[in-house]
Amino acid sequence: MDSGTFWLAMALVLVIEGLFPLLSPAGWRRMFAQILQLNDGQLRFFGMCSILAGLFVIWFLL
């Protein structure tokens, strides 16, 4: 993977991350408030699931 591919992937992450606040700012605020109520263990679990899902997709595509 060259650096151009890496930066393209980072830009795509930013686009995807910006879609929800753009399309539904009130819903994004409610979701963010709910996330703030989670304890550290729950946040770590969701982070781990996100990492594993991303690694699975990368493995599947390669």
Protein backbone atom coordinates (compact mmCIF):
# COMPACT_ATOMS: atom_id res chain seq x y z
CA MET A 1 0.00 0.00 0.00
CA ASP A 2 1.44 3.34 -0.98
CA SER A 3 0.96 6.59 0.92
CA GLY A 4 -1.66 7.78 -1.59
CA THR A 5 -3.89 4.83 -0.74
CA PHE A 6 -3.45 5.48 2.98
CA TRP A 7 -4.46 9.14 2.68
CA LEU A 8 -7.39 8.22 0.44
CA ALA A 9 -8.60 5.81 3.13
CA MET A 10 -8.20 8.50 5.82
CA ALA A 11 -10.18 10.96 3.68
CA LEU A 12 -12.93 8.38 3.20
CA VAL A 13 -13.12 7.89 6.98
CA LEU A 14 -13.60 11.65 7.40
CA VAL A 15 -16.36 11.71 4.77
CA ILE A 16 -18.19 8.81 6.39
CA GLU A 17 -17.76 10.28 9.89
CA GLY A 18 -19.20 13.59 8.70
CA LEU A 19 -22.32 12.15 7.07
CA PHE A 20 -24.40 11.55 10.20
CA PRO A 21 -23.90 15.02 11.77
CA LEU A 22 -24.61 16.58 8.37
CA LEU A 23 -27.79 14.62 7.72
CA SER A 24 -29.18 14.46 11.26
CA PRO A 25 -27.51 16.83 13.73
CA ALA A 26 -30.15 16.29 16.45
CA GLY A 27 -29.86 12.51 16.12
CA TRP A 28 -26.08 12.79 16.26
CA ARG A 29 -26.31 14.82 19.49
CA ARG A 30 -28.64 12.25 21.07
CA MET A 31 -26.34 9.40 20.05
CA PHE A 32 -23.29 11.23 21.37
CA ALA A 33 -25.05 11.91 24.70
CA GLN A 34 -25.86 8.20 24.99
CA ILE A 35 -22.25 7.27 24.24
CA LEU A 36 -21.10 9.58 27.05
CA GLN A 37 -23.25 7.55 29.48
CA LEU A 38 -21.39 4.29 28.74
CA ASN A 39 -18.75 3.10 31.17
CA ASP A 40 -15.14 2.42 30.15
CA GLY A 41 -15.65 -1.34 29.75
CA GLN A 42 -18.56 -0.84 27.36
CA LEU A 43 -16.60 1.66 25.28
CA ARG A 44 -13.64 -0.71 25.12
CA PHE A 45 -15.93 -3.54 23.99
CA PHE A 46 -17.40 -1.46 21.17
CA GLY A 47 -13.91 -0.28 20.19
CA MET A 48 -12.67 -3.87 20.08
CA CYS A 49 -15.68 -4.94 17.98
CA SER A 50 -15.03 -2.07 15.58
CA ILE A 51 -11.36 -3.03 15.22
CA LEU A 52 -12.20 -6.70 14.67
CA ALA A 53 -14.86 -5.85 12.08
CA GLY A 54 -12.41 -3.58 10.25
CA LEU A 55 -9.69 -6.24 10.29
CA PHE A 56 -12.17 -8.82 8.98
CA VAL A 57 -13.17 -6.54 6.09
CA ILE A 58 -9.50 -5.89 5.27
CA TRP A 59 -8.77 -9.64 5.40
CA PHE A 60 -11.80 -10.38 3.21
CA LEU A 61 -10.81 -7.79 0.59
CA LEU A 62 -7.17 -8.88 0.42
